[in-house]
C-alpha atoms as a PDB file:
ATOM      1  CA  UNK A   1      65.711  59.065 119.533  1.00  0.00           C
ATOM      2  CA  UNK A   2      65.703  57.095 122.764  1.00  0.00           C
ATOM      3  CA  UNK A   3      68.727  54.984 123.596  1.00  0.00           C
ATOM      4  CA  UNK A   4      68.475  51.886 125.870  1.00  0.00           C
ATOM      5  CA  UNK A   5      69.979  53.677 128.883  1.00  0.00           C
ATOM      6  CA  UNK A   6      67.442  56.471 128.534  1.00  0.00           C
ATOM      7  CA  UNK A   7      64.589  53.973 128.289  1.00  0.00           C
ATOM      8  CA  UNK A   8      65.685  52.353 131.561  1.00  0.00           C
ATOM      9  CA  UNK A   9      65.900  55.744 133.255  1.00  0.00           C
ATOM     10  CA  UNK A  10      62.442  56.727 132.075  1.00  0.00           C
ATOM     11  CA  UNK A  11      60.889  53.410 133.142  1.00  0.00           C
ATOM     12  CA  UNK A  12      62.073  53.682 136.738  1.00  0.00           C
ATOM     13  CA  UNK A  13      59.186  56.042 137.578  1.00  0.00           C
ATOM     14  CA  UNK A  14      61.407  58.474 139.460  1.00  0.00           C
ATOM     15  CA  UNK A  15      60.946  61.272 136.921  1.00  0.00           C
ATOM     16  CA  UNK A  16      57.635  62.927 136.097  1.00  0.00           C
ATOM     17  CA  UNK A  17      56.330  62.687 132.561  1.00  0.00           C
ATOM     18  CA  UNK A  18      56.572  66.458 132.108  1.00  0.00           C
ATOM     19  CA  UNK A  19      60.211  66.506 133.236  1.00  0.00           C
ATOM     20  CA  UNK A  20      61.017  63.634 130.888  1.00  0.00           C
ATOM     21  CA  UNK A  21      59.407  65.457 127.989  1.00  0.00           C
ATOM     22  CA  UNK A  22      61.249  68.710 128.682  1.00  0.00           C
ATOM     23  CA  UNK A  23      64.528  66.893 129.194  1.00  0.00           C
ATOM     24  CA  UNK A  24      63.971  65.052 125.910  1.00  0.00           C
ATOM     25  CA  UNK A  25      63.434  68.335 124.083  1.00  0.00           C
ATOM     26  CA  UNK A  26      66.562  69.884 125.576  1.00  0.00           C
ATOM     27  CA  UNK A  27      68.575  66.796 124.663  1.00  0.00           C
ATOM     28  CA  UNK A  28      67.239  66.936 121.106  1.00  0.00           C
ATOM     29  CA  UNK A  29      68.209  70.600 120.749  1.00  0.00           C
ATOM     30  CA  UNK A  30      71.684  69.837 122.079  1.00  0.00           C
ATOM     31  CA  UNK A  31      71.896  66.681 119.910  1.00  0.00           C
ATOM     32  CA  UNK A  32      72.768  64.429 122.856  1.00  0.00           C
ATOM     33  CA  UNK A  33      71.020  61.443 124.396  1.00  0.00           C
ATOM     34  CA  UNK A  34      68.873  62.132 127.474  1.00  0.00           C
ATOM     35  CA  UNK A  35      71.026  59.696 129.430  1.00  0.00           C
ATOM     36  CA  UNK A  36      73.880  62.218 129.228  1.00  0.00           C
ATOM     37  CA  UNK A  37      72.015  64.349 131.776  1.00  0.00           C
ATOM     38  CA  UNK A  38      72.168  61.580 134.368  1.00  0.00           C
ATOM     39  CA  UNK A  39      75.154  60.780 136.522  1.00  0.00           C
ATOM     40  CA  UNK A  40      77.767  58.470 135.030  1.00  0.00           C
ATOM     41  CA  UNK A  41      81.374  57.545 135.560  1.00  0.00           C
ATOM     42  CA  UNK A  42      83.754  60.231 134.290  1.00  0.00           C
ATOM     43  CA  UNK A  43      85.875  59.490 131.251  1.00  0.00           C
ATOM     44  CA  UNK A  44      88.720  61.244 129.499  1.00  0.00           C
ATOM     45  CA  UNK A  45      86.312  63.011 127.134  1.00  0.00           C
ATOM     46  CA  UNK A  46      84.311  64.358 130.099  1.00  0.00           C
ATOM     47  CA  UNK A  47      86.889  67.118 130.551  1.00  0.00           C
ATOM     48  CA  UNK A  48      85.502  68.663 127.359  1.00  0.00           C
ATOM     49  CA  UNK A  49      81.818  68.238 128.222  1.00  0.00           C
ATOM     50  CA  UNK A  50      79.576  69.636 130.953  1.00  0.00           C
ATOM     51  CA  UNK A  51      79.507  67.601 134.129  1.00  0.00           C
ATOM     52  CA  UNK A  52      76.340  66.232 135.703  1.00  0.00           C
ATOM     53  CA  UNK A  53      76.140  69.051 138.248  1.00  0.00           C
ATOM     54  CA  UNK A  54      76.265  71.650 135.475  1.00  0.00           C
ATOM     55  CA  UNK A  55      73.564  69.833 133.523  1.00  0.00           C
ATOM     56  CA  UNK A  56      71.416  69.469 136.650  1.00  0.00           C
ATOM     57  CA  UNK A  57      71.767  73.187 137.393  1.00  0.00           C
ATOM     58  CA  UNK A  58      70.957  74.150 133.811  1.00  0.00           C
ATOM     59  CA  UNK A  59      67.878  71.933 133.691  1.00  0.00           C
ATOM     60  CA  UNK A  60      66.649  73.101 137.107  1.00  0.00           C
ATOM     61  CA  UNK A  61      66.984  76.738 136.064  1.00  0.00           C
ATOM     62  CA  UNK A  62      65.294  76.079 132.710  1.00  0.00           C
ATOM     63  CA  UNK A  63      62.362  74.364 134.420  1.00  0.00           C
ATOM     64  CA  UNK A  64      61.798  77.458 136.591  1.00  0.00           C
ATOM     65  CA  UNK A  65      61.386  79.735 133.545  1.00  0.00           C
ATOM     66  CA  UNK A  66      57.646  80.278 133.229  1.00  0.00           C
ATOM     67  CA  UNK A  67      57.517  82.414 130.101  1.00  0.00           C
ATOM     68  CA  UNK A  68      57.436  80.334 126.878  1.00  0.00           C
ATOM     69  CA  UNK A  69      59.043  83.168 124.900  1.00  0.00           C
ATOM     70  CA  UNK A  70      61.954  83.346 127.328  1.00  0.00           C
ATOM     71  CA  UNK A  71      62.380  79.554 127.138  1.00  0.00           C
ATOM     72  CA  UNK A  72      62.466  79.795 123.341  1.00  0.00           C
ATOM     73  CA  UNK A  73      65.160  82.496 123.544  1.00  0.00           C
ATOM     74  CA  UNK A  74      67.166  80.298 125.906  1.00  0.00           C
ATOM     75  CA  UNK A  75      66.982  77.397 123.456  1.00  0.00           C
ATOM     76  CA  UNK A  76      68.087  79.677 120.616  1.00  0.00           C
ATOM     77  CA  UNK A  77      70.979  80.951 122.736  1.00  0.00           C
ATOM     78  CA  UNK A  78      72.066  77.379 123.474  1.00  0.00           C
ATOM     79  CA  UNK A  79      71.926  76.559 119.763  1.00  0.00           C
ATOM     80  CA  UNK A  80      74.012  79.622 118.940  1.00  0.00           C
ATOM     81  CA  UNK A  81      76.680  78.758 121.491  1.00  0.00           C
ATOM     82  CA  UNK A  82      76.721  75.063 120.583  1.00  0.00           C
ATOM     83  CA  UNK A  83      77.356  75.845 116.906  1.00  0.00           C
ATOM     84  CA  UNK A  84      80.695  77.524 117.700  1.00  0.00           C
END
């Protein structure tokens, strides 16, 4: 589920393949396009969604988690909170 904006971002070579893969998995779990993690112009609906800095911080923290079981629990927690 790669949108055109995401394809352009991935082709620019500025992101490692591993980071792209992890970001793709997080986006899939959250049911959003990967391009939503990258900076964009704010819109009216952005007040209801996480901003780029929040997404950057979340992804950076997630990437530092070394234990696969902990990462799985984090994903489950995000699913639980996103279903509300």
